[in-house]
Protein backbone atom coordinates (compact mmCIF):
# COMPACT_ATOMS: atom_id res chain seq x y z
CA UNK A 1 106.34 145.13 66.88
CA UNK A 2 103.68 145.40 69.57
CA UNK A 3 102.98 142.12 71.37
CA UNK A 4 100.10 142.85 73.77
CA UNK A 5 99.00 139.23 74.29
CA UNK A 6 102.58 138.05 74.80
CA UNK A 7 103.24 140.78 77.34
CA UNK A 8 99.99 140.07 79.18
CA UNK A 9 100.32 136.31 79.57
CA UNK A 10 104.06 136.37 80.30
CA UNK A 11 103.38 138.87 83.11
CA UNK A 12 100.36 137.21 84.70
CA UNK A 13 100.34 133.55 83.61
CA UNK A 14 103.06 132.21 85.87
CA UNK A 15 101.75 129.09 87.61
CA UNK A 16 99.65 125.95 87.19
CA UNK A 17 97.39 125.88 84.10
CA UNK A 18 98.31 129.40 83.10
CA UNK A 19 102.02 128.55 83.11
CA UNK A 20 101.30 125.41 81.08
CA UNK A 21 99.54 127.61 78.52
CA UNK A 22 102.65 129.80 78.18
CA UNK A 23 105.04 126.84 78.03
CA UNK A 24 102.94 125.10 75.38
CA UNK A 25 102.71 128.29 73.32
CA UNK A 26 106.48 128.76 73.47
CA UNK A 27 106.93 125.12 72.49
CA UNK A 28 104.67 125.60 69.46
CA UNK A 29 106.67 128.66 68.37
CA UNK A 30 109.98 126.83 68.83
CA UNK A 31 108.68 123.89 66.80
CA UNK A 32 107.78 126.16 63.88
CA UNK A 33 111.05 128.09 64.06
CA UNK A 34 112.94 124.80 63.87
CA UNK A 35 111.15 124.02 60.62
CA UNK A 36 108.49 121.71 62.02
CA UNK A 37 104.93 121.40 60.81
CA UNK A 38 101.80 121.31 62.94
CA UNK A 39 98.48 119.51 62.95
CA UNK A 40 95.59 121.12 64.81
CA UNK A 41 92.66 118.92 65.83
CA UNK A 42 89.26 120.46 66.57
CA UNK A 43 86.64 118.73 68.68
CA UNK A 44 83.67 120.23 70.46
CA UNK A 45 81.80 123.20 69.02
CA UNK A 46 84.83 125.36 68.32
CA UNK A 47 83.49 126.65 65.00
CA UNK A 48 80.23 127.74 66.62
CA UNK A 49 82.41 129.41 69.26
CA UNK A 50 83.80 131.42 66.30
CA UNK A 51 87.36 130.13 66.55
CA UNK A 52 87.54 131.01 62.85
CA UNK A 53 88.28 134.63 63.76
CA UNK A 54 91.80 133.62 64.76
CA UNK A 55 92.24 130.14 63.28
CA UNK A 56 91.80 131.66 59.82
CA UNK A 57 94.78 133.92 60.48
CA UNK A 58 96.82 130.94 61.72
CA UNK A 59 96.07 129.23 58.41
CA UNK A 60 96.86 132.29 56.31
CA UNK A 61 100.17 132.75 58.16
CA UNK A 62 101.20 129.09 57.70
CA UNK A 63 101.12 128.31 61.43
CA UNK A 64 99.06 125.16 60.80
CA UNK A 65 99.72 122.65 58.03
CA UNK A 66 96.90 120.13 58.42
CA UNK A 67 93.65 119.98 60.39
CA UNK A 68 91.66 117.08 61.79
CA UNK A 69 88.15 118.03 62.80
CA UNK A 70 84.70 116.65 63.40
CA UNK A 71 82.11 117.02 60.68
CA UNK A 72 80.33 119.53 62.89
CA UNK A 73 83.33 121.87 62.98
CA UNK A 74 83.72 121.56 59.21
CA UNK A 75 80.16 122.68 58.51
CA UNK A 76 79.47 124.98 61.46
CA UNK A 77 82.10 127.47 60.33
CA UNK A 78 80.15 127.80 57.07
CA UNK A 79 76.82 127.94 58.90
CA UNK A 80 78.09 130.88 60.92
CA UNK A 81 79.36 132.45 57.70
CA UNK A 82 75.98 132.37 55.93
CA UNK A 83 73.50 132.72 58.82
CA UNK A 84 75.24 134.65 61.60
CA UNK A 85 72.50 137.25 62.05
CA UNK A 86 69.92 134.51 62.62
CA UNK A 87 71.81 132.87 65.49
CA UNK A 88 70.28 133.31 68.93
CA UNK A 89 72.30 133.50 72.13
CA UNK A 90 70.74 132.07 75.29
CA UNK A 91 72.89 133.27 78.20
CA UNK A 92 70.59 131.58 80.76
CA UNK A 93 70.91 128.18 79.06
CA UNK A 94 71.57 126.44 82.40
CA UNK A 95 68.10 127.43 83.60
CA UNK A 96 66.02 126.33 80.61
CA UNK A 97 63.07 124.05 81.32
CA UNK A 98 62.27 121.07 79.07
CA UNK A 99 59.35 123.11 77.68
CA UNK A 100 61.65 126.02 76.82
CA UNK A 101 64.03 123.59 75.08
CA UNK A 102 61.06 122.22 73.12
CA UNK A 103 60.01 125.73 72.14
CA UNK A 104 63.49 126.37 70.70
CA UNK A 105 63.25 123.14 68.71
CA UNK A 106 59.88 124.14 67.28
CA UNK A 107 61.38 127.45 66.15
CA UNK A 108 64.16 125.58 64.32
CA UNK A 109 66.80 126.73 66.81
CA UNK A 110 69.26 123.92 67.60
CA UNK A 111 71.10 124.78 70.82
CA UNK A 112 74.84 124.38 71.35
CA UNK A 113 75.38 125.46 74.97
CA UNK A 114 74.48 129.17 74.88
CA UNK A 115 74.15 129.50 71.10
CA UNK A 116 71.27 128.37 68.88
CA UNK A 117 71.97 127.52 65.24
CA UNK A 118 69.04 128.44 62.97
CA UNK A 119 68.09 125.33 61.03
CA UNK A 120 66.37 126.94 58.04
CA UNK A 121 68.95 129.66 57.40
CA UNK A 122 72.03 127.57 58.23
CA UNK A 123 71.46 123.89 57.39
CA UNK A 124 69.05 124.29 54.49
CA UNK A 125 70.93 127.19 52.92
CA UNK A 126 74.01 124.98 52.61
CA UNK A 127 72.01 121.88 51.68
CA UNK A 128 70.69 123.37 48.45
CA UNK A 129 74.19 123.89 47.09
CA UNK A 130 76.08 120.91 48.51
CA UNK A 131 73.50 118.42 47.20
CA UNK A 132 73.95 119.81 43.68
CA UNK A 133 77.72 119.38 43.97
CA UNK A 134 77.32 115.79 45.25
CA UNK A 135 74.96 114.93 42.37
CA UNK A 136 77.18 116.57 39.75
CA UNK A 137 80.18 114.57 40.99
CA UNK A 138 78.24 111.33 40.97
CA UNK A 139 76.98 111.97 37.44
CA UNK A 140 80.62 112.34 36.33
CA UNK A 141 81.71 109.24 38.23
CA UNK A 142 83.83 111.34 40.57
CA UNK A 143 84.43 110.82 44.30
CA UNK A 144 85.78 113.32 46.83
CA UNK A 145 86.32 113.70 50.57
CA UNK A 146 83.75 115.65 52.63
CA UNK A 147 86.06 118.63 53.02
CA UNK A 148 86.82 118.66 49.29
CA UNK A 149 83.11 119.03 48.52
CA UNK A 150 83.00 121.94 50.99
CA UNK A 151 86.02 123.50 49.28
CA UNK A 152 84.30 123.20 45.91
CA UNK A 153 81.22 124.94 47.29
CA UNK A 154 83.27 127.76 48.82
CA UNK A 155 85.49 128.34 45.79
CA UNK A 156 82.53 128.27 43.37
CA UNK A 157 81.28 131.51 44.93
CA UNK A 158 77.69 130.29 45.35
CA UNK A 159 77.70 131.12 49.07
CA UNK A 160 78.93 134.70 48.70
CA UNK A 161 75.37 135.99 48.34
CA UNK A 162 74.71 134.88 51.93
CA UNK A 163 77.89 136.05 53.72
CA UNK A 164 77.02 137.69 57.03
CA UNK A 165 80.48 137.95 58.58
CA UNK A 166 83.77 139.20 57.08
CA UNK A 167 85.25 136.44 54.92
CA UNK A 168 88.55 136.76 56.82
CA UNK A 169 86.77 135.40 59.92
CA UNK A 170 86.02 132.05 58.30
CA UNK A 171 88.69 129.41 58.79
CA UNK A 172 87.10 127.28 56.08
CA UNK A 173 87.53 130.04 53.50
CA UNK A 174 91.18 130.40 54.53
CA UNK A 175 91.65 126.62 54.32
CA UNK A 176 89.92 126.36 50.93
CA UNK A 177 92.04 129.13 49.47
CA UNK A 178 95.20 127.33 50.56
CA UNK A 179 93.81 123.87 49.77
CA UNK A 180 94.84 122.96 53.32
CA UNK A 181 94.87 119.20 54.01
CA UNK A 182 91.99 118.18 56.29
CA UNK A 183 90.85 114.85 57.70
CA UNK A 184 87.29 114.52 58.99
CA UNK A 185 86.88 111.23 60.87
CA UNK A 186 83.29 110.21 61.58
CA UNK A 187 81.87 112.74 59.12
CA UNK A 188 78.66 110.69 59.08
CA UNK A 189 77.98 112.03 62.58
CA UNK A 190 77.24 115.55 61.32
CA UNK A 191 74.31 117.44 59.85
CA UNK A 192 75.70 117.26 56.32
CA UNK A 193 76.55 113.61 56.87
CA UNK A 194 72.98 112.95 57.98
CA UNK A 195 71.64 114.81 54.95
CA UNK A 196 73.90 112.81 52.63
CA UNK A 197 72.73 109.58 54.28
CA UNK A 198 69.09 110.56 53.69
CA UNK A 199 69.73 110.99 49.96
CA UNK A 200 71.41 107.58 49.87
CA UNK A 201 68.44 105.99 51.66
CA UNK A 202 66.10 107.61 49.12
CA UNK A 203 68.23 106.21 46.30
CA UNK A 204 69.20 109.64 44.96
CA UNK A 205 72.91 109.27 45.76
CA UNK A 206 75.36 106.44 46.29
CA UNK A 207 77.36 106.13 49.54
CA UNK A 208 80.56 105.76 47.49
CA UNK A 209 80.23 109.32 46.12
CA UNK A 210 81.75 110.60 49.38
CA UNK A 211 85.07 109.04 50.32
CA UNK A 212 85.13 107.17 53.62
CA UNK A 213 86.95 107.36 56.95
CA UNK A 214 89.20 104.48 55.89
CA UNK A 215 90.21 106.51 52.86
CA UNK A 216 90.92 109.48 55.16
CA UNK A 217 93.33 107.27 57.10
CA UNK A 218 94.97 106.20 53.85
CA UNK A 219 95.22 109.87 52.84
CA UNK A 220 96.84 110.75 56.17
CA UNK A 221 99.17 107.76 55.94
CA UNK A 222 100.43 109.17 52.64
CA UNK A 223 100.69 112.76 53.93
CA UNK A 224 102.51 112.06 57.19
CA UNK A 225 105.75 110.47 55.90
CA UNK A 226 106.03 113.15 53.22
CA UNK A 227 105.87 115.92 55.83
CA UNK A 228 107.63 114.44 58.86
CA UNK A 229 111.20 115.08 57.79
CA UNK A 230 113.47 117.41 59.74
CA UNK A 231 111.81 118.64 62.93
CA UNK A 232 108.73 116.55 62.19
CA UNK A 233 105.01 117.12 62.70
CA UNK A 234 103.54 118.41 65.95
CA UNK A 235 100.08 117.66 67.33
CA UNK A 236 97.98 120.44 68.86
CA UNK A 237 94.75 118.96 70.18
CA UNK A 238 91.75 121.11 71.03
CA UNK A 239 89.40 118.94 73.06
CA UNK A 240 89.44 115.16 72.70
CA UNK A 241 87.37 112.54 70.96
CA UNK A 242 87.66 111.23 67.44
CA UNK A 243 89.18 114.42 66.00
CA UNK A 244 92.27 113.73 68.11
CA UNK A 245 92.31 109.96 68.50
CA UNK A 246 91.91 109.20 64.78
CA UNK A 247 94.88 111.15 63.37
CA UNK A 248 97.33 110.48 66.20
CA UNK A 249 97.01 106.75 65.45
CA UNK A 250 98.57 107.12 62.01
CA UNK A 251 102.06 106.91 63.51
CA UNK A 252 101.71 103.51 65.28
CA UNK A 253 99.76 102.23 62.27
CA UNK A 254 102.61 103.08 59.91
CA UNK A 255 105.23 101.74 62.32
CA UNK A 256 103.47 98.55 63.45
CA UNK A 257 101.02 97.57 60.71
CA UNK A 258 102.87 98.88 57.66
CA UNK A 259 106.26 97.95 59.19
CA UNK A 260 107.63 101.38 58.28
CA UNK A 261 109.95 101.32 61.27
CA UNK A 262 111.66 104.59 60.38
CA UNK A 263 108.39 106.53 60.88
CA UNK A 264 109.07 109.49 63.23
CA UNK A 265 106.91 109.98 66.30
CA UNK A 266 104.82 113.12 66.63
CA UNK A 267 107.44 115.70 67.61
CA UNK A 268 105.31 118.04 69.80
CA UNK A 269 102.12 117.39 71.71
CA UNK A 270 99.70 119.73 73.44
CA UNK A 271 96.13 119.15 74.53
CA UNK A 272 93.67 121.79 75.72
CA UNK A 273 90.85 120.04 77.49
CA UNK A 274 88.56 120.41 80.47
CA UNK A 275 88.35 116.62 80.71
CA UNK A 276 89.17 115.31 84.19
CA UNK A 277 92.55 113.56 84.28
CA UNK A 278 91.77 109.88 84.05
CA UNK A 279 93.62 106.73 83.05
CA UNK A 280 90.42 105.21 81.71
CA UNK A 281 89.72 107.59 78.85
CA UNK A 282 91.49 109.01 75.81
CA UNK A 283 90.67 112.66 76.50
CA UNK A 284 91.63 112.45 80.15
CA UNK A 285 94.81 110.41 79.77
CA UNK A 286 98.14 112.11 80.44
CA UNK A 287 100.47 112.36 77.42
CA UNK A 288 102.95 109.78 78.75
CA UNK A 289 100.34 107.06 78.18
CA UNK A 290 100.71 107.78 74.45
CA UNK A 291 104.33 106.61 74.64
CA UNK A 292 103.11 103.07 75.32
CA UNK A 293 100.98 103.22 72.16
CA UNK A 294 103.85 104.28 69.95
CA UNK A 295 102.48 107.76 69.31
CA UNK A 296 104.94 109.95 71.22
CA UNK A 297 108.63 109.60 71.99
CA UNK A 298 110.19 109.91 75.44
CA UNK A 299 111.72 113.21 74.33
CA UNK A 300 108.61 114.67 72.66
CA UNK A 301 107.69 118.00 74.32
CA UNK A 302 104.34 117.34 76.03
CA UNK A 303 101.85 119.82 77.46
CA UNK A 304 98.37 119.70 78.98
CA UNK A 305 96.32 122.84 79.52
CA UNK A 306 93.37 121.78 81.67
CA UNK A 307 90.88 124.49 80.85
CA UNK A 308 88.17 125.64 78.47
CA UNK A 309 89.49 125.70 74.90
CA UNK A 310 87.25 128.64 73.99
CA UNK A 311 89.25 130.68 76.51
CA UNK A 312 92.72 129.23 75.96
CA UNK A 313 92.99 128.56 72.23
CA UNK A 314 92.55 132.21 71.14
CA UNK A 315 95.19 133.31 73.66
CA UNK A 316 97.64 130.66 72.50
CA UNK A 317 97.05 131.33 68.82
CA UNK A 318 97.54 135.06 69.43
CA UNK A 319 100.85 134.38 71.21
CA UNK A 320 101.98 132.12 68.35
CA UNK A 321 101.07 134.74 65.72
CA UNK A 322 102.94 137.45 67.63
CA UNK A 323 106.12 135.40 68.03
CA UNK A 324 106.64 133.22 64.96
């Protein structure tokens, strides 16, 4: 079997951050081969960066068993799916004046670094269908998690009329088809979360129709012990923030607050981040600090790749797919 990415990075990625990338990739592969499971956490605008092109394959090939992501990553994969041709790239984004930024806003182009998401074609196209699903659930007295509503929308087929990229490039389609477990902490801080809030304010929906972040923690607290036998569950963190901090806390919560003292620690840890190493922040803290919080063991394999995740994650996922 040809392994072009493996051959490339093992030849040239020999020191410093590049060597850490190789070591972490090998550790991920070893963890899977030993029967372990893996959580991937997505922060930042990874879906708008089209990580779905390779993350979808990771999901289809059972290289990831649960995802924690921001609400933005949950929805922006679908926005790219249904409105890709309407996106606008702004390569000179560093040079934009306030007036040029305002002009983009007036055109309904919401900028994420060098990429503008088209509001009308992306947000509103999804809104029409997701609101109907929310209202139907409420009328039946049903409640679901944010990602479950997205899964319902995908699997219903209502979005297929809008597809503008190959379906195999959408990680959300791959996840929906596998009914992959997902936790979405802070979903309220997303476009769909804002839209849902507006319907609640107008009295057209009830807040309880969408399950809460506390219920996501309860869901994860049920999932983790059931899946942490044997080699255990690894933690592959892309970026920082709530997508990483929320799920990693399930282990000390189970151990300390639920007094489930036989709860295994996370059995692999890797973070890709361009956050400056700092002992005053979560994203910039070195992994050993997590030992003091009861998240990682002394013997847990720990890796930090201090670089841009849009560069490193596709390389690492390619290596993992070639070797496991």
